[in-house]
PDB file of N, CA and C in Angstrom:
ATOM      1  N   MET A   1       0.807  -1.201   0.000  1.00  0.00           N
ATOM      2  CA  MET A   1       0.000   0.000   0.000  1.00  0.00           C
ATOM      3  C   MET A   1       0.857   1.274   0.000  1.00  0.00           C
ATOM      4  N   PRO A   2       1.926   1.354   0.821  1.00  0.00           N
ATOM      5  CA  PRO A   2       2.766   2.560   0.764  1.00  0.00           C
ATOM      6  C   PRO A   2       3.407   2.745  -0.612  1.00  0.00           C
ATOM      7  N   THR A   3       3.737   1.643  -1.276  1.00  0.00           N
ATOM      8  CA  THR A   3       4.334   1.729  -2.606  1.00  0.00           C
ATOM      9  C   THR A   3       3.352   2.359  -3.584  1.00  0.00           C
ATOM     10  N   LEU A   4       2.094   1.976  -3.481  1.00  0.00           N
ATOM     11  CA  LEU A   4       1.073   2.539  -4.357  1.00  0.00           C
ATOM     12  C   LEU A   4       0.914   4.037  -4.121  1.00  0.00           C
ATOM     13  N   ILE A   5       0.959   4.449  -2.878  1.00  0.00           N
ATOM     14  CA  ILE A   5       0.834   5.875  -2.556  1.00  0.00           C
ATOM     15  C   ILE A   5       2.018   6.651  -3.122  1.00  0.00           C
ATOM     16  N   VAL A   6       3.219   6.123  -2.955  1.00  0.00           N
ATOM     17  CA  VAL A   6       4.418   6.782  -3.497  1.00  0.00           C
ATOM     18  C   VAL A   6       4.327   6.863  -5.017  1.00  0.00           C
ATOM     19  N   LEU A   7       3.884   5.786  -5.644  1.00  0.00           N
ATOM     20  CA  LEU A   7       3.745   5.771  -7.100  1.00  0.00           C
ATOM     21  C   LEU A   7       2.733   6.820  -7.562  1.00  0.00           C
ATOM     22  N   LEU A   8       1.616   6.923  -6.877  1.00  0.00           N
ATOM     23  CA  LEU A   8       0.606   7.921  -7.242  1.00  0.00           C
ATOM     24  C   LEU A   8       1.124   9.346  -7.060  1.00  0.00           C
ATOM     25  N   VAL A   9       1.897   9.579  -6.010  1.00  0.00           N
ATOM     26  CA  VAL A   9       2.478  10.909  -5.790  1.00  0.00           C
ATOM     27  C   VAL A   9       3.459  11.246  -6.905  1.00  0.00           C
ATOM     28  N   ILE A  10       4.303  10.298  -7.272  1.00  0.00           N
ATOM     29  CA  ILE A  10       5.278  10.532  -8.346  1.00  0.00           C
ATOM     30  C   ILE A  10       4.567  10.805  -9.663  1.00  0.00           C
ATOM     31  N   ILE A  11       3.554  10.007  -9.979  1.00  0.00           N
ATOM     32  CA  ILE A  11       2.804  10.212 -11.220  1.00  0.00           C
ATOM     33  C   ILE A  11       2.133  11.585 -11.217  1.00  0.00           C
ATOM     34  N   SER A  12       1.585  11.969 -10.079  1.00  0.00           N
ATOM     35  CA  SER A  12       0.939  13.285  -9.979  1.00  0.00           C
ATOM     36  C   SER A  12       1.942  14.411 -10.197  1.00  0.00           C
ATOM     37  N   LEU A  13       3.111  14.307  -9.574  1.00  0.00           N
ATOM     38  CA  LEU A  13       4.133  15.345  -9.729  1.00  0.00           C
ATOM     39  C   LEU A  13       4.629  15.439 -11.166  1.00  0.00           C
ATOM     40  N   VAL A  14       4.852  14.297 -11.800  1.00  0.00           N
ATOM     41  CA  VAL A  14       5.306  14.297 -13.194  1.00  0.00           C
ATOM     42  C   VAL A  14       4.234  14.900 -14.091  1.00  0.00           C
ATOM     43  N   THR A  15       2.981  14.565 -13.834  1.00  0.00           N
ATOM     44  CA  THR A  15       1.888  15.113 -14.635  1.00  0.00           C
ATOM     45  C   THR A  15       1.800  16.627 -14.487  1.00  0.00           C
ATOM     46  N   ILE A  16       1.859  17.116 -13.262  1.00  0.00           N
ATOM     47  CA  ILE A  16       1.802  18.567 -13.027  1.00  0.00           C
ATOM     48  C   ILE A  16       2.986  19.262 -13.689  1.00  0.00           C
ATOM     49  N   PHE A  17       4.182  18.702 -13.524  1.00  0.00           N
ATOM     50  CA  PHE A  17       5.382  19.282 -14.120  1.00  0.00           C
ATOM     51  C   PHE A  17       5.275  19.297 -15.645  1.00  0.00           C
ATOM     52  N   SER A  18       4.767  18.216 -16.213  1.00  0.00           N
ATOM     53  CA  SER A  18       4.646  18.122 -17.666  1.00  0.00           C
ATOM     54  C   SER A  18       3.659  19.136 -18.219  1.00  0.00           C
ATOM     55  N   VAL A  19       2.516  19.258 -17.576  1.00  0.00           N
ATOM     56  CA  VAL A  19       1.489  20.175 -18.064  1.00  0.00           C
ATOM     57  C   VAL A  19       1.971  21.622 -17.995  1.00  0.00           C
ATOM     58  N   GLN A  20       2.744  21.954 -16.984  1.00  0.00           N
ATOM     59  CA  GLN A  20       3.233  23.320 -16.846  1.00  0.00           C
ATOM     60  C   GLN A  20       4.392  23.624 -17.792  1.00  0.00           C
ATOM     61  N   ASN A  21       4.947  22.601 -18.412  1.00  0.00           N
ATOM     62  CA  ASN A  21       6.056  22.779 -19.352  1.00  0.00           C
ATOM     63  C   ASN A  21       5.652  22.213 -20.709  1.00  0.00           C
ATOM     64  N   ALA A  22       4.688  22.851 -21.337  1.00  0.00           N
ATOM     65  CA  ALA A  22       4.132  22.326 -22.582  1.00  0.00           C
ATOM     66  C   ALA A  22       4.726  22.983 -23.826  1.00  0.00           C
ATOM     67  N   ALA A  23       5.836  23.665 -23.700  1.00  0.00           N
ATOM     68  CA  ALA A  23       6.458  24.335 -24.846  1.00  0.00           C
ATOM     69  C   ALA A  23       6.955  23.302 -25.856  1.00  0.00           C
ATOM     70  N   PRO A  24       6.950  23.655 -27.135  1.00  0.00           N
ATOM     71  CA  PRO A  24       7.457  22.726 -28.145  1.00  0.00           C
ATOM     72  C   PRO A  24       8.983  22.607 -28.072  1.00  0.00           C
ATOM     73  N   VAL A  25       9.467  21.397 -28.238  1.00  0.00           N
ATOM     74  CA  VAL A  25      10.907  21.136 -28.226  1.00  0.00           C
ATOM     75  C   VAL A  25      11.252  20.218 -29.393  1.00  0.00           C
ATOM     76  N   THR A  26      12.517  20.233 -29.771  1.00  0.00           N
ATOM     77  CA  THR A  26      13.003  19.346 -30.818  1.00  0.00           C
ATOM     78  C   THR A  26      13.994  18.375 -30.205  1.00  0.00           C
ATOM     79  N   ILE A  27      13.750  17.096 -30.405  1.00  0.00           N
ATOM     80  CA  ILE A  27      14.632  16.041 -29.920  1.00  0.00           C
ATOM     81  C   ILE A  27      15.351  15.456 -31.129  1.00  0.00           C
ATOM     82  N   SER A  28      16.672  15.432 -31.082  1.00  0.00           N
ATOM     83  CA  SER A  28      17.469  14.883 -32.179  1.00  0.00           C
ATOM     84  C   SER A  28      18.290  13.715 -31.666  1.00  0.00           C
ATOM     85  N   LEU A  29      18.250  12.627 -32.407  1.00  0.00           N
ATOM     86  CA  LEU A  29      19.032  11.439 -32.076  1.00  0.00           C
ATOM     87  C   LEU A  29      19.584  10.885 -33.378  1.00  0.00           C
ATOM     88  N   PHE A  30      20.896  10.986 -33.543  1.00  0.00           N
ATOM     89  CA  PHE A  30      21.577  10.594 -34.770  1.00  0.00           C
ATOM     90  C   PHE A  30      20.936  11.315 -35.952  1.00  0.00           C
ATOM     91  N   PHE A  31      20.298  10.575 -36.862  1.00  0.00           N
ATOM     92  CA  PHE A  31      19.705  11.197 -38.046  1.00  0.00           C
ATOM     93  C   PHE A  31      18.203  11.391 -37.897  1.00  0.00           C
ATOM     94  N   TRP A  32      17.684  11.078 -36.751  1.00  0.00           N
ATOM     95  CA  TRP A  32      16.248  11.171 -36.488  1.00  0.00           C
ATOM     96  C   TRP A  32      15.963  12.427 -35.688  1.00  0.00           C
ATOM     97  N   SER A  33      14.901  13.120 -36.037  1.00  0.00           N
ATOM     98  CA  SER A  33      14.534  14.337 -35.324  1.00  0.00           C
ATOM     99  C   SER A  33      13.029  14.329 -35.067  1.00  0.00           C
ATOM    100  N   PHE A  34      12.639  14.734 -33.880  1.00  0.00           N
ATOM    101  CA  PHE A  34      11.234  14.729 -33.478  1.00  0.00           C
ATOM    102  C   PHE A  34      10.915  16.053 -32.817  1.00  0.00           C
ATOM    103  N   GLN A  35       9.837  16.683 -33.252  1.00  0.00           N
ATOM    104  CA  GLN A  35       9.403  17.922 -32.614  1.00  0.00           C
ATOM    105  C   GLN A  35       8.046  17.674 -31.973  1.00  0.00           C
ATOM    106  N   GLY A  36       7.967  17.995 -30.693  1.00  0.00           N
ATOM    107  CA  GLY A  36       6.720  17.784 -29.975  1.00  0.00           C
ATOM    108  C   GLY A  36       6.706  18.568 -28.683  1.00  0.00           C
ATOM    109  N   SER A  37       5.686  18.349 -27.929  1.00  0.00           N
ATOM    110  CA  SER A  37       5.510  19.051 -26.664  1.00  0.00           C
ATOM    111  C   SER A  37       6.502  18.534 -25.626  1.00  0.00           C
ATOM    112  N   LEU A  38       6.999  19.434 -24.807  1.00  0.00           N
ATOM    113  CA  LEU A  38       7.892  19.039 -23.721  1.00  0.00           C
ATOM    114  C   LEU A  38       7.175  18.099 -22.762  1.00  0.00           C
ATOM    115  N   ALA A  39       5.869  18.278 -22.609  1.00  0.00           N
ATOM    116  CA  ALA A  39       5.084  17.402 -21.743  1.00  0.00           C
ATOM    117  C   ALA A  39       5.151  15.958 -22.230  1.00  0.00           C
ATOM    118  N   VAL A  40       5.063  15.762 -23.540  1.00  0.00           N
ATOM    119  CA  VAL A  40       5.136  14.411 -24.104  1.00  0.00           C
ATOM    120  C   VAL A  40       6.523  13.825 -23.888  1.00  0.00           C
ATOM    121  N   VAL A  41       7.552  14.627 -24.089  1.00  0.00           N
ATOM    122  CA  VAL A  41       8.927  14.160 -23.891  1.00  0.00           C
ATOM    123  C   VAL A  41       9.149  13.758 -22.437  1.00  0.00           C
ATOM    124  N   ILE A  42       8.681  14.575 -21.505  1.00  0.00           N
ATOM    125  CA  ILE A  42       8.829  14.251 -20.079  1.00  0.00           C
ATOM    126  C   ILE A  42       8.077  12.973 -19.748  1.00  0.00           C
ATOM    127  N   PHE A  43       6.846  12.859 -20.241  1.00  0.00           N
ATOM    128  CA  PHE A  43       6.039  11.673 -19.962  1.00  0.00           C
ATOM    129  C   PHE A  43       6.694  10.416 -20.518  1.00  0.00           C
ATOM    130  N   LEU A  44       7.127  10.462 -21.776  1.00  0.00           N
ATOM    131  CA  LEU A  44       7.756   9.285 -22.384  1.00  0.00           C
ATOM    132  C   LEU A  44       9.062   8.920 -21.682  1.00  0.00           C
ATOM    133  N   SER A  45       9.837   9.914 -21.293  1.00  0.00           N
ATOM    134  CA  SER A  45      11.080   9.648 -20.568  1.00  0.00           C
ATOM    135  C   SER A  45      10.797   8.967 -19.235  1.00  0.00           C
ATOM    136  N   THR A  46       9.762   9.422 -18.549  1.00  0.00           N
ATOM    137  CA  THR A  46       9.389   8.812 -17.272  1.00  0.00           C
ATOM    138  C   THR A  46       8.946   7.371 -17.468  1.00  0.00           C
ATOM    139  N   VAL A  47       8.126   7.129 -18.485  1.00  0.00           N
ATOM    140  CA  VAL A  47       7.638   5.774 -18.751  1.00  0.00           C
ATOM    141  C   VAL A  47       8.796   4.844 -19.102  1.00  0.00           C
ATOM    142  N   VAL A  48       9.704   5.305 -19.954  1.00  0.00           N
ATOM    143  CA  VAL A  48      10.861   4.485 -20.323  1.00  0.00           C
ATOM    144  C   VAL A  48      11.722   4.194 -19.094  1.00  0.00           C
ATOM    145  N   GLY A  49      11.923   5.184 -18.246  1.00  0.00           N
ATOM    146  CA  GLY A  49      12.696   4.979 -17.017  1.00  0.00           C
ATOM    147  C   GLY A  49      12.049   3.965 -16.092  1.00  0.00           C
ATOM    148  N   ILE A  50      10.732   4.035 -15.959  1.00  0.00           N
ATOM    149  CA  ILE A  50      10.017   3.069 -15.116  1.00  0.00           C
ATOM    150  C   ILE A  50      10.140   1.669 -15.692  1.00  0.00           C
ATOM    151  N   ILE A  51       9.984   1.539 -17.001  1.00  0.00           N
ATOM    152  CA  ILE A  51      10.093   0.220 -17.640  1.00  0.00           C
ATOM    153  C   ILE A  51      11.492  -0.354 -17.447  1.00  0.00           C
ATOM    154  N   ILE A  52      12.519   0.458 -17.644  1.00  0.00           N
ATOM    155  CA  ILE A  52      13.894  -0.011 -17.448  1.00  0.00           C
ATOM    156  C   ILE A  52      14.109  -0.420 -15.995  1.00  0.00           C
ATOM    157  N   GLY A  53      13.595   0.366 -15.061  1.00  0.00           N
ATOM    158  CA  GLY A  53      13.713   0.028 -13.640  1.00  0.00           C
ATOM    159  C   GLY A  53      13.039  -1.286 -13.298  1.00  0.00           C
ATOM    160  N   VAL A  54      11.847  -1.512 -13.850  1.00  0.00           N
ATOM    161  CA  VAL A  54      11.128  -2.766 -13.597  1.00  0.00           C
ATOM    162  C   VAL A  54      11.898  -3.946 -14.172  1.00  0.00           C
ATOM    163  N   ILE A  55      12.448  -3.787 -15.358  1.00  0.00           N
ATOM    164  CA  ILE A  55      13.225  -4.871 -15.969  1.00  0.00           C
ATOM    165  C   ILE A  55      14.446  -5.198 -15.120  1.00  0.00           C
ATOM    166  N   ILE A  56      15.167  -4.184 -14.679  1.00  0.00           N
ATOM    167  CA  ILE A  56      16.363  -4.412 -13.858  1.00  0.00           C
ATOM    168  C   ILE A  56      15.999  -5.065 -12.532  1.00  0.00           C
ATOM    169  N   MET A  57      14.940  -4.582 -11.886  1.00  0.00           N
ATOM    170  CA  MET A  57      14.512  -5.172 -10.609  1.00  0.00           C
ATOM    171  C   MET A  57      14.072  -6.622 -10.792  1.00  0.00           C
ATOM    172  N   SER A  58      13.398  -6.922 -11.906  1.00  0.00           N
ATOM    173  CA  SER A  58      12.974  -8.295 -12.176  1.00  0.00           C
ATOM    174  C   SER A  58      14.176  -9.208 -12.372  1.00  0.00           C
ATOM    175  N   MET A  59      15.171  -8.715 -13.087  1.00  0.00           N
ATOM    176  CA  MET A  59      16.374  -9.515 -13.302  1.00  0.00           C
ATOM    177  C   MET A  59      17.095  -9.774 -11.984  1.00  0.00           C
ATOM    178  N   MET A  60      17.174  -8.759 -11.127  1.00  0.00           N
ATOM    179  CA  MET A  60      17.825  -8.935  -9.828  1.00  0.00           C
ATOM    180  C   MET A  60      17.047  -9.919  -8.959  1.00  0.00           C
ATOM    181  N   HIS A  61      15.730  -9.852  -9.008  1.00  0.00           N
ATOM    182  CA  HIS A  61      14.902 -10.773  -8.227  1.00  0.00           C
ATOM    183  C   HIS A  61      15.075 -12.209  -8.724  1.00  0.00           C
ATOM    184  N   MET A  62      15.063 -12.392 -10.044  1.00  0.00           N
ATOM    185  CA  MET A  62      15.244 -13.740 -10.594  1.00  0.00           C
ATOM    186  C   MET A  62      16.613 -14.292 -10.219  1.00  0.00           C
ATOM    187  N   ARG A  63      17.635 -13.455 -10.230  1.00  0.00           N
ATOM    188  CA  ARG A  63      18.976 -13.894  -9.868  1.00  0.00           C
ATOM    189  C   ARG A  63      19.025 -14.339  -8.408  1.00  0.00           C
ATOM    190  N   SER A  64      18.395 -13.569  -7.519  1.00  0.00           N
ATOM    191  CA  SER A  64      18.415 -13.940  -6.097  1.00  0.00           C
ATOM    192  C   SER A  64      17.621 -15.216  -5.849  1.00  0.00           C
ATOM    193  N   VAL A  65      16.513 -15.402  -6.559  1.00  0.00           N
ATOM    194  CA  VAL A  65      15.736 -16.640  -6.418  1.00  0.00           C
ATOM    195  C   VAL A  65      16.556 -17.822  -6.913  1.00  0.00           C
ATOM    196  N   ARG A  66      17.259 -17.658  -8.024  1.00  0.00           N
ATOM    197  CA  ARG A  66      18.078 -18.736  -8.572  1.00  0.00           C
ATOM    198  C   ARG A  66      19.210 -19.097  -7.610  1.00  0.00           C
ATOM    199  N   LYS A  67      19.861 -18.078  -7.027  1.00  0.00           N
ATOM    200  CA  LYS A  67      20.936 -18.350  -6.069  1.00  0.00           C
ATOM    201  C   LYS A  67      20.401 -19.055  -4.836  1.00  0.00           C
ATOM    202  N   LYS A  68      19.221 -18.671  -4.384  1.00  0.00           N
ATOM    203  CA  LYS A  68      18.620 -19.310  -3.216  1.00  0.00           C
ATOM    204  C   LYS A  68      18.325 -20.775  -3.511  1.00  0.00           C
ATOM    205  N   LYS A  69      17.795 -21.059  -4.693  1.00  0.00           N
ATOM    206  CA  LYS A  69      17.509 -22.447  -5.071  1.00  0.00           C
ATOM    207  C   LYS A  69      18.799 -23.252  -5.183  1.00  0.00           C
ATOM    208  N   GLU A  70      19.852 -22.633  -5.724  1.00  0.00           N
ATOM    209  CA  GLU A  70      21.135 -23.331  -5.832  1.00  0.00           C
ATOM    210  C   GLU A  70      21.688 -23.662  -4.450  1.00  0.00           C
ATOM    211  N   LYS A  71      21.575 -22.723  -3.506  1.00  0.00           N
ATOM    212  CA  LYS A  71      22.047 -22.981  -2.145  1.00  0.00           C
ATOM    213  C   LYS A  71      21.238 -24.088  -1.489  1.00  0.00           C
ATOM    214  N   GLU A  72      19.930 -24.098  -1.703  1.00  0.00           N
ATOM    215  CA  GLU A  72      19.084 -25.140  -1.128  1.00  0.00           C
ATOM    216  C   GLU A  72      19.427 -26.504  -1.709  1.00  0.00           C
ATOM    217  N   SER A  73      19.626 -26.571  -3.014  1.00  0.00           N
ATOM    218  CA  SER A  73      19.958 -27.854  -3.631  1.00  0.00           C
ATOM    219  C   SER A  73      21.347 -28.319  -3.196  1.00  0.00           C
ATOM    220  N   GLN A  74      22.276 -27.382  -3.019  1.00  0.00           N
ATOM    221  CA  GLN A  74      23.611 -27.734  -2.533  1.00  0.00           C
ATOM    222  C   GLN A  74      23.533 -28.253  -1.102  1.00  0.00           C
ATOM    223  N   ALA A  75      22.696 -27.633  -0.274  1.00  0.00           N
ATOM    224  CA  ALA A  75      22.537 -28.084   1.111  1.00  0.00           C
ATOM    225  C   ALA A  75      21.931 -29.478   1.161  1.00  0.00           C
ATOM    226  N   ILE A  76      20.992 -29.761   0.271  1.00  0.00           N
ATOM    227  CA  ILE A  76      20.380 -31.094   0.225  1.00  0.00           C
ATOM    228  C   ILE A  76      21.405 -32.123  -0.230  1.00  0.00           C
ATOM    229  N   GLN A  77      22.238 -31.781  -1.201  1.00  0.00           N
ATOM    230  CA  GLN A  77      23.257 -32.708  -1.687  1.00  0.00           C
ATOM    231  C   GLN A  77      24.316 -32.975  -0.627  1.00  0.00           C
ATOM    232  N   ASP A  78      24.599 -31.988   0.217  1.00  0.00           N
ATOM    233  CA  ASP A  78      25.607 -32.156   1.263  1.00  0.00           C
ATOM    234  C   ASP A  78      25.143 -33.111   2.355  1.00  0.00           C
ATOM    235  N   LEU A  79      23.837 -33.292   2.480  1.00  0.00           N
ATOM    236  CA  LEU A  79      23.324 -34.210   3.501  1.00  0.00           C
ATOM    237  C   LEU A  79      23.604 -35.592   3.065  1.00  0.00           C
TER     238      LEU A  79
END
């Protein structure tokens, strides 16, 4: 429940910040160029950051579960 509250606060702050910064901007990456609202850029950057964070946390969780299973199987074999 506290995680949900923190997430809602962060989403609210990003939304308020984005809406107040709606000026047009140009984003250039190599040969690609995109012109759009700063609000859209902020929103997409936040979403990409959250997705990357979730992927990294999932990988770390899977690694710890795998290590725990390996330790358990090693302990059983030692008996």
